Amino acid sequence: LSPSELEDWRECTEAAIEQRLAGQSLHNQQ
């Protein structure tokens, strides 16, 4: 992956994690 592709994946993953943690399931942080 190019550096810009890696940055796109990083941003997408971080946003998905933030959204997932805002919910009540599908993570280990209860």
PDB file of all heavy atoms in Angstrom:
ATOM      1  N   LEU A   1       0.852  -1.187   0.000  1.00  0.00           N
ATOM      2  CA  LEU A   1       0.000   0.000   0.000  1.00  0.00           C
ATOM      3  C   LEU A   1       0.889   1.239   0.000  1.00  0.00           C
ATOM      4  O   LEU A   1       1.944   1.262   0.639  1.00  0.00           O
ATOM      5  CB  LEU A   1      -0.903   0.028   1.231  1.00  0.00           C
ATOM      6  CG  LEU A   1      -1.928  -1.089   1.349  1.00  0.00           C
ATOM      7  CD1 LEU A   1      -2.635  -1.014   2.693  1.00  0.00           C
ATOM      8  CD2 LEU A   1      -2.941  -1.035   0.223  1.00  0.00           C
ATOM      9  N   SER A   2       0.458   2.270  -0.680  1.00  0.00           N
ATOM     10  CA  SER A   2       1.196   3.531  -0.686  1.00  0.00           C
ATOM     11  C   SER A   2       0.965   4.245   0.653  1.00  0.00           C
ATOM     12  O   SER A   2       0.016   3.928   1.378  1.00  0.00           O
ATOM     13  CB  SER A   2       0.703   4.412  -1.833  1.00  0.00           C
ATOM     14  OG  SER A   2      -0.608   4.883  -1.551  1.00  0.00           O
ATOM     15  N   PRO A   3       1.801   5.215   0.980  1.00  0.00           N
ATOM     16  CA  PRO A   3       1.584   5.966   2.217  1.00  0.00           C
ATOM     17  C   PRO A   3       0.184   6.594   2.294  1.00  0.00           C
ATOM     18  O   PRO A   3      -0.431   6.598   3.360  1.00  0.00           O
ATOM     19  CB  PRO A   3       2.681   7.039   2.180  1.00  0.00           C
ATOM     20  CG  PRO A   3       3.791   6.389   1.409  1.00  0.00           C
ATOM     21  CD  PRO A   3       3.077   5.586   0.338  1.00  0.00           C
ATOM     22  N   SER A   4      -0.332   7.113   1.191  1.00  0.00           N
ATOM     23  CA  SER A   4      -1.674   7.718   1.237  1.00  0.00           C
ATOM     24  C   SER A   4      -2.754   6.654   1.433  1.00  0.00           C
ATOM     25  O   SER A   4      -3.750   6.888   2.129  1.00  0.00           O
ATOM     26  CB  SER A   4      -1.949   8.545  -0.019  1.00  0.00           C
ATOM     27  OG  SER A   4      -1.977   7.724  -1.171  1.00  0.00           O
ATOM     28  N   GLU A   5      -2.566   5.474   0.845  1.00  0.00           N
ATOM     29  CA  GLU A   5      -3.526   4.382   1.069  1.00  0.00           C
ATOM     30  C   GLU A   5      -3.498   3.934   2.525  1.00  0.00           C
ATOM     31  O   GLU A   5      -4.549   3.675   3.123  1.00  0.00           O
ATOM     32  CB  GLU A   5      -3.220   3.199   0.147  1.00  0.00           C
ATOM     33  CG  GLU A   5      -3.538   3.465  -1.297  1.00  0.00           C
ATOM     34  CD  GLU A   5      -3.013   2.389  -2.234  1.00  0.00           C
ATOM     35  OE1 GLU A   5      -1.897   1.873  -2.018  1.00  0.00           O
ATOM     36  OE2 GLU A   5      -3.743   2.064  -3.195  1.00  0.00           O
ATOM     37  N   LEU A   6      -2.302   3.840   3.107  1.00  0.00           N
ATOM     38  CA  LEU A   6      -2.193   3.483   4.524  1.00  0.00           C
ATOM     39  C   LEU A   6      -2.890   4.512   5.401  1.00  0.00           C
ATOM     40  O   LEU A   6      -3.576   4.149   6.365  1.00  0.00           O
ATOM     41  CB  LEU A   6      -0.725   3.365   4.930  1.00  0.00           C
ATOM     42  CG  LEU A   6      -0.006   2.115   4.489  1.00  0.00           C
ATOM     43  CD1 LEU A   6       1.479   2.224   4.796  1.00  0.00           C
ATOM     44  CD2 LEU A   6      -0.596   0.883   5.157  1.00  0.00           C
ATOM     45  N   GLU A   7      -2.734   5.775   5.080  1.00  0.00           N
ATOM     46  CA  GLU A   7      -3.390   6.824   5.864  1.00  0.00           C
ATOM     47  C   GLU A   7      -4.909   6.723   5.749  1.00  0.00           C
ATOM     48  O   GLU A   7      -5.628   6.888   6.741  1.00  0.00           O
ATOM     49  CB  GLU A   7      -2.910   8.207   5.424  1.00  0.00           C
ATOM     50  CG  GLU A   7      -3.471   9.343   6.259  1.00  0.00           C
ATOM     51  CD  GLU A   7      -3.144   9.226   7.737  1.00  0.00           C
ATOM     52  OE1 GLU A   7      -2.092   8.669   8.099  1.00  0.00           O
ATOM     53  OE2 GLU A   7      -3.975   9.710   8.541  1.00  0.00           O
ATOM     54  N   ASP A   8      -5.425   6.432   4.558  1.00  0.00           N
ATOM     55  CA  ASP A   8      -6.871   6.228   4.390  1.00  0.00           C
ATOM     56  C   ASP A   8      -7.368   5.089   5.264  1.00  0.00           C
ATOM     57  O   ASP A   8      -8.403   5.200   5.932  1.00  0.00           O
ATOM     58  CB  ASP A   8      -7.216   5.950   2.925  1.00  0.00           C
ATOM     59  CG  ASP A   8      -7.059   7.159   2.023  1.00  0.00           C
ATOM     60  OD1 ASP A   8      -7.002   8.300   2.555  1.00  0.00           O
ATOM     61  OD2 ASP A   8      -6.992   6.972   0.797  1.00  0.00           O
ATOM     62  N   TRP A   9      -6.642   3.964   5.265  1.00  0.00           N
ATOM     63  CA  TRP A   9      -7.031   2.814   6.097  1.00  0.00           C
ATOM     64  C   TRP A   9      -6.974   3.167   7.578  1.00  0.00           C
ATOM     65  O   TRP A   9      -7.843   2.785   8.361  1.00  0.00           O
ATOM     66  CB  TRP A   9      -6.127   1.613   5.811  1.00  0.00           C
ATOM     67  CG  TRP A   9      -6.540   0.842   4.608  1.00  0.00           C
ATOM     68  CD1 TRP A   9      -5.982   0.898   3.365  1.00  0.00           C
ATOM     69  CD2 TRP A   9      -7.603  -0.111   4.524  1.00  0.00           C
ATOM     70  NE1 TRP A   9      -6.632   0.045   2.518  1.00  0.00           N
ATOM     71  CE2 TRP A   9      -7.638  -0.593   3.208  1.00  0.00           C
ATOM     72  CE3 TRP A   9      -8.532  -0.595   5.442  1.00  0.00           C
ATOM     73  CZ2 TRP A   9      -8.559  -1.532   2.784  1.00  0.00           C
ATOM     74  CZ3 TRP A   9      -9.449  -1.539   5.010  1.00  0.00           C
ATOM     75  CH2 TRP A   9      -9.456  -1.991   3.697  1.00  0.00           C
ATOM     76  N   ARG A  10      -5.926   3.904   7.964  1.00  0.00           N
ATOM     77  CA  ARG A  10      -5.768   4.295   9.372  1.00  0.00           C
ATOM     78  C   ARG A  10      -6.950   5.162   9.814  1.00  0.00           C
ATOM     79  O   ARG A  10      -7.539   4.929  10.879  1.00  0.00           O
ATOM     80  CB  ARG A  10      -4.443   5.032   9.546  1.00  0.00           C
ATOM     81  CG  ARG A  10      -4.073   5.343  10.960  1.00  0.00           C
ATOM     82  CD  ARG A  10      -2.679   5.972  11.080  1.00  0.00           C
ATOM     83  NE  ARG A  10      -1.667   5.015  10.642  1.00  0.00           N
ATOM     84  CZ  ARG A  10      -0.928   5.141   9.535  1.00  0.00           C
ATOM     85  NH1 ARG A  10      -1.085   6.183   8.742  1.00  0.00           N
ATOM     86  NH2 ARG A  10      -0.031   4.246   9.215  1.00  0.00           N
ATOM     87  N   GLU A  11      -7.298   6.158   9.026  1.00  0.00           N
ATOM     88  CA  GLU A  11      -8.409   7.042   9.372  1.00  0.00           C
ATOM     89  C   GLU A  11      -9.728   6.282   9.452  1.00  0.00           C
ATOM     90  O   GLU A  11     -10.529   6.492  10.370  1.00  0.00           O
ATOM     91  CB  GLU A  11      -8.507   8.182   8.361  1.00  0.00           C
ATOM     92  CG  GLU A  11      -7.388   9.176   8.451  1.00  0.00           C
ATOM     93  CD  GLU A  11      -7.417  10.213   7.335  1.00  0.00           C
ATOM     94  OE1 GLU A  11      -8.397  10.241   6.558  1.00  0.00           O
ATOM     95  OE2 GLU A  11      -6.452  10.993   7.240  1.00  0.00           O
ATOM     96  N   CYS A  12      -9.958   5.409   8.496  1.00  0.00           N
ATOM     97  CA  CYS A  12     -11.188   4.622   8.465  1.00  0.00           C
ATOM     98  C   CYS A  12     -11.284   3.703   9.683  1.00  0.00           C
ATOM     99  O   CYS A  12     -12.329   3.593  10.320  1.00  0.00           O
ATOM    100  CB  CYS A  12     -11.233   3.820   7.169  1.00  0.00           C
ATOM    101  SG  CYS A  12     -12.731   2.864   6.945  1.00  0.00           S
ATOM    102  N   THR A  13     -10.172   3.065  10.022  1.00  0.00           N
ATOM    103  CA  THR A  13     -10.153   2.152  11.169  1.00  0.00           C
ATOM    104  C   THR A  13     -10.388   2.906  12.469  1.00  0.00           C
ATOM    105  O   THR A  13     -11.165   2.472  13.324  1.00  0.00           O
ATOM    106  CB  THR A  13      -8.815   1.392  11.216  1.00  0.00           C
ATOM    107  OG1 THR A  13      -8.662   0.664  10.002  1.00  0.00           O
ATOM    108  CG2 THR A  13      -8.772   0.436  12.389  1.00  0.00           C
ATOM    109  N   GLU A  14      -9.726   4.038  12.635  1.00  0.00           N
ATOM    110  CA  GLU A  14      -9.915   4.829  13.849  1.00  0.00           C
ATOM    111  C   GLU A  14     -11.365   5.299  13.992  1.00  0.00           C
ATOM    112  O   GLU A  14     -11.937   5.258  15.087  1.00  0.00           O
ATOM    113  CB  GLU A  14      -8.957   6.014  13.866  1.00  0.00           C
ATOM    114  CG  GLU A  14      -7.522   5.603  14.114  1.00  0.00           C
ATOM    115  CD  GLU A  14      -6.537   6.754  13.993  1.00  0.00           C
ATOM    116  OE1 GLU A  14      -6.962   7.902  13.700  1.00  0.00           O
ATOM    117  OE2 GLU A  14      -5.346   6.498  14.201  1.00  0.00           O
ATOM    118  N   ALA A  15     -11.983   5.728  12.904  1.00  0.00           N
ATOM    119  CA  ALA A  15     -13.383   6.165  12.947  1.00  0.00           C
ATOM    120  C   ALA A  15     -14.296   4.994  13.301  1.00  0.00           C
ATOM    121  O   ALA A  15     -15.231   5.142  14.098  1.00  0.00           O
ATOM    122  CB  ALA A  15     -13.792   6.774  11.611  1.00  0.00           C
ATOM    123  N   ALA A  16     -14.039   3.828  12.724  1.00  0.00           N
ATOM    124  CA  ALA A  16     -14.865   2.652  13.015  1.00  0.00           C
ATOM    125  C   ALA A  16     -14.732   2.245  14.473  1.00  0.00           C
ATOM    126  O   ALA A  16     -15.723   1.878  15.122  1.00  0.00           O
ATOM    127  CB  ALA A  16     -14.468   1.494  12.101  1.00  0.00           C
ATOM    128  N   ILE A  17     -13.529   2.319  15.025  1.00  0.00           N
ATOM    129  CA  ILE A  17     -13.321   1.972  16.439  1.00  0.00           C
ATOM    130  C   ILE A  17     -14.065   2.946  17.339  1.00  0.00           C
ATOM    131  O   ILE A  17     -14.732   2.533  18.300  1.00  0.00           O
ATOM    132  CB  ILE A  17     -11.820   1.924  16.770  1.00  0.00           C
ATOM    133  CG1 ILE A  17     -11.176   0.715  16.096  1.00  0.00           C
ATOM    134  CG2 ILE A  17     -11.591   1.887  18.281  1.00  0.00           C
ATOM    135  CD1 ILE A  17      -9.677   0.691  16.156  1.00  0.00           C
ATOM    136  N   GLU A  18     -13.966   4.232  17.042  1.00  0.00           N
ATOM    137  CA  GLU A  18     -14.691   5.226  17.840  1.00  0.00           C
ATOM    138  C   GLU A  18     -16.191   4.956  17.826  1.00  0.00           C
ATOM    139  O   GLU A  18     -16.857   5.005  18.867  1.00  0.00           O
ATOM    140  CB  GLU A  18     -14.408   6.630  17.326  1.00  0.00           C
ATOM    141  CG  GLU A  18     -13.039   7.148  17.683  1.00  0.00           C
ATOM    142  CD  GLU A  18     -12.792   8.545  17.132  1.00  0.00           C
ATOM    143  OE1 GLU A  18     -13.772   9.280  16.884  1.00  0.00           O
ATOM    144  OE2 GLU A  18     -11.619   8.886  16.943  1.00  0.00           O
ATOM    145  N   GLN A  19     -16.743   4.659  16.653  1.00  0.00           N
ATOM    146  CA  GLN A  19     -18.176   4.377  16.549  1.00  0.00           C
ATOM    147  C   GLN A  19     -18.530   3.097  17.295  1.00  0.00           C
ATOM    148  O   GLN A  19     -19.565   3.022  17.958  1.00  0.00           O
ATOM    149  CB  GLN A  19     -18.593   4.275  15.088  1.00  0.00           C
ATOM    150  CG  GLN A  19     -18.557   5.612  14.378  1.00  0.00           C
ATOM    151  CD  GLN A  19     -18.879   5.499  12.899  1.00  0.00           C
ATOM    152  OE1 GLN A  19     -19.185   4.422  12.396  1.00  0.00           O
ATOM    153  NE2 GLN A  19     -18.791   6.605  12.191  1.00  0.00           N
ATOM    154  N   ARG A  20     -17.681   2.079  17.194  1.00  0.00           N
ATOM    155  CA  ARG A  20     -17.952   0.800  17.855  1.00  0.00           C
ATOM    156  C   ARG A  20     -17.930   0.959  19.369  1.00  0.00           C
ATOM    157  O   ARG A  20     -18.773   0.423  20.077  1.00  0.00           O
ATOM    158  CB  ARG A  20     -16.939  -0.250  17.396  1.00  0.00           C
ATOM    159  CG  ARG A  20     -17.162  -1.641  17.908  1.00  0.00           C
ATOM    160  CD  ARG A  20     -18.563  -2.177  17.606  1.00  0.00           C
ATOM    161  NE  ARG A  20     -18.962  -1.914  16.258  1.00  0.00           N
ATOM    162  CZ  ARG A  20     -19.060  -2.793  15.291  1.00  0.00           C
ATOM    163  NH1 ARG A  20     -18.797  -4.038  15.531  1.00  0.00           N
ATOM    164  NH2 ARG A  20     -19.441  -2.451  14.092  1.00  0.00           N
ATOM    165  N   LEU A  21     -16.968   1.736  19.893  1.00  0.00           N
ATOM    166  CA  LEU A  21     -16.872   1.930  21.340  1.00  0.00           C
ATOM    167  C   LEU A  21     -18.030   2.763  21.881  1.00  0.00           C
ATOM    168  O   LEU A  21     -18.370   2.661  23.055  1.00  0.00           O
ATOM    169  CB  LEU A  21     -15.539   2.577  21.704  1.00  0.00           C
ATOM    170  CG  LEU A  21     -14.319   1.689  21.530  1.00  0.00           C
ATOM    171  CD1 LEU A  21     -13.045   2.465  21.843  1.00  0.00           C
ATOM    172  CD2 LEU A  21     -14.416   0.431  22.379  1.00  0.00           C
ATOM    173  N   ALA A  22     -18.638   3.571  21.031  1.00  0.00           N
ATOM    174  CA  ALA A  22     -19.791   4.363  21.460  1.00  0.00           C
ATOM    175  C   ALA A  22     -21.004   3.474  21.702  1.00  0.00           C
ATOM    176  O   ALA A  22     -21.905   3.843  22.456  1.00  0.00           O
ATOM    177  CB  ALA A  22     -20.119   5.435  20.422  1.00  0.00           C
ATOM    178  N   GLY A  23     -21.037   2.299  21.074  1.00  0.00           N
ATOM    179  CA  GLY A  23     -22.135   1.351  21.266  1.00  0.00           C
ATOM    180  C   GLY A  23     -21.908   0.493  22.497  1.00  0.00           C
ATOM    181  O   GLY A  23     -20.950   0.655  23.243  1.00  0.00           O
ATOM    182  N   GLN A  24     -22.786  -0.470  22.705  1.00  0.00           N
ATOM    183  CA  GLN A  24     -22.724  -1.305  23.901  1.00  0.00           C
ATOM    184  C   GLN A  24     -22.269  -2.735  23.632  1.00  0.00           C
ATOM    185  O   GLN A  24     -22.265  -3.544  24.546  1.00  0.00           O
ATOM    186  CB  GLN A  24     -24.108  -1.332  24.566  1.00  0.00           C
ATOM    187  CG  GLN A  24     -24.567   0.034  25.029  1.00  0.00           C
ATOM    188  CD  GLN A  24     -23.639   0.641  26.061  1.00  0.00           C
ATOM    189  OE1 GLN A  24     -23.202  -0.036  26.979  1.00  0.00           O
ATOM    190  NE2 GLN A  24     -23.326   1.908  25.899  1.00  0.00           N
ATOM    191  N   SER A  25     -21.911  -3.041  22.401  1.00  0.00           N
ATOM    192  CA  SER A  25     -21.547  -4.428  22.107  1.00  0.00           C
ATOM    193  C   SER A  25     -20.415  -4.494  21.096  1.00  0.00           C
ATOM    194  O   SER A  25     -19.975  -3.483  20.566  1.00  0.00           O
ATOM    195  CB  SER A  25     -22.760  -5.185  21.572  1.00  0.00           C
ATOM    196  OG  SER A  25     -23.149  -4.624  20.327  1.00  0.00           O
ATOM    197  N   LEU A  26     -19.953  -5.695  20.849  1.00  0.00           N
ATOM    198  CA  LEU A  26     -18.928  -6.012  19.864  1.00  0.00           C
ATOM    199  C   LEU A  26     -17.584  -5.354  20.167  1.00  0.00           C
ATOM    200  O   LEU A  26     -16.845  -4.974  19.277  1.00  0.00           O
ATOM    201  CB  LEU A  26     -19.401  -5.670  18.450  1.00  0.00           C
ATOM    202  CG  LEU A  26     -20.591  -6.482  17.955  1.00  0.00           C
ATOM    203  CD1 LEU A  26     -21.023  -5.998  16.586  1.00  0.00           C
ATOM    204  CD2 LEU A  26     -20.286  -7.962  17.918  1.00  0.00           C
ATOM    205  N   HIS A  27     -17.281  -5.205  21.457  1.00  0.00           N
ATOM    206  CA  HIS A  27     -15.957  -4.805  21.891  1.00  0.00           C
ATOM    207  C   HIS A  27     -15.727  -5.358  23.298  1.00  0.00           C
ATOM    208  O   HIS A  27     -16.644  -5.841  23.946  1.00  0.00           O
ATOM    209  CB  HIS A  27     -15.769  -3.288  21.848  1.00  0.00           C
ATOM    210  CG  HIS A  27     -16.721  -2.518  22.699  1.00  0.00           C
ATOM    211  ND1 HIS A  27     -16.572  -2.408  24.053  1.00  0.00           N
ATOM    212  CD2 HIS A  27     -17.834  -1.828  22.385  1.00  0.00           C
ATOM    213  CE1 HIS A  27     -17.544  -1.669  24.550  1.00  0.00           C
ATOM    214  NE2 HIS A  27     -18.341  -1.315  23.546  1.00  0.00           N
ATOM    215  N   ASN A  28     -14.481  -5.319  23.757  1.00  0.00           N
ATOM    216  CA  ASN A  28     -14.149  -5.893  25.057  1.00  0.00           C
ATOM    217  C   ASN A  28     -14.005  -4.838  26.142  1.00  0.00           C
ATOM    218  O   ASN A  28     -13.340  -5.066  27.145  1.00  0.00           O
ATOM    219  CB  ASN A  28     -12.860  -6.720  24.958  1.00  0.00           C
ATOM    220  CG  ASN A  28     -11.629  -5.859  24.740  1.00  0.00           C
ATOM    221  OD1 ASN A  28     -11.715  -4.789  24.144  1.00  0.00           O
ATOM    222  ND2 ASN A  28     -10.483  -6.323  25.202  1.00  0.00           N
ATOM    223  N   GLN A  29     -14.623  -3.694  25.984  1.00  0.00           N
ATOM    224  CA  GLN A  29     -14.437  -2.604  26.933  1.00  0.00           C
ATOM    225  C   GLN A  29     -15.643  -2.370  27.848  1.00  0.00           C
ATOM    226  O   GLN A  29     -15.759  -1.309  28.452  1.00  0.00           O
ATOM    227  CB  GLN A  29     -14.106  -1.320  26.173  1.00  0.00           C
ATOM    228  CG  GLN A  29     -12.840  -1.407  25.351  1.00  0.00           C
ATOM    229  CD  GLN A  29     -11.609  -1.603  26.204  1.00  0.00           C
ATOM    230  OE1 GLN A  29     -11.309  -0.784  27.060  1.00  0.00           O
ATOM    231  NE2 GLN A  29     -10.894  -2.696  25.978  1.00  0.00           N
ATOM    232  N   GLN A  30     -16.530  -3.354  27.993  1.00  0.00           N
ATOM    233  CA  GLN A  30     -17.680  -3.174  28.881  1.00  0.00           C
ATOM    234  C   GLN A  30     -17.231  -2.900  30.315  1.00  0.00           C
ATOM    235  O   GLN A  30     -17.853  -2.133  31.031  1.00  0.00           O
ATOM    236  CB  GLN A  30     -18.605  -4.399  28.845  1.00  0.00           C
ATOM    237  CG  GLN A  30     -19.416  -4.528  27.588  1.00  0.00           C
ATOM    238  CD  GLN A  30     -18.664  -5.239  26.468  1.00  0.00           C
ATOM    239  OE1 GLN A  30     -17.532  -5.660  26.620  1.00  0.00           O
ATOM    240  NE2 GLN A  30     -19.293  -5.351  25.322  1.00  0.00           N
TER     241      GLN A  30
END
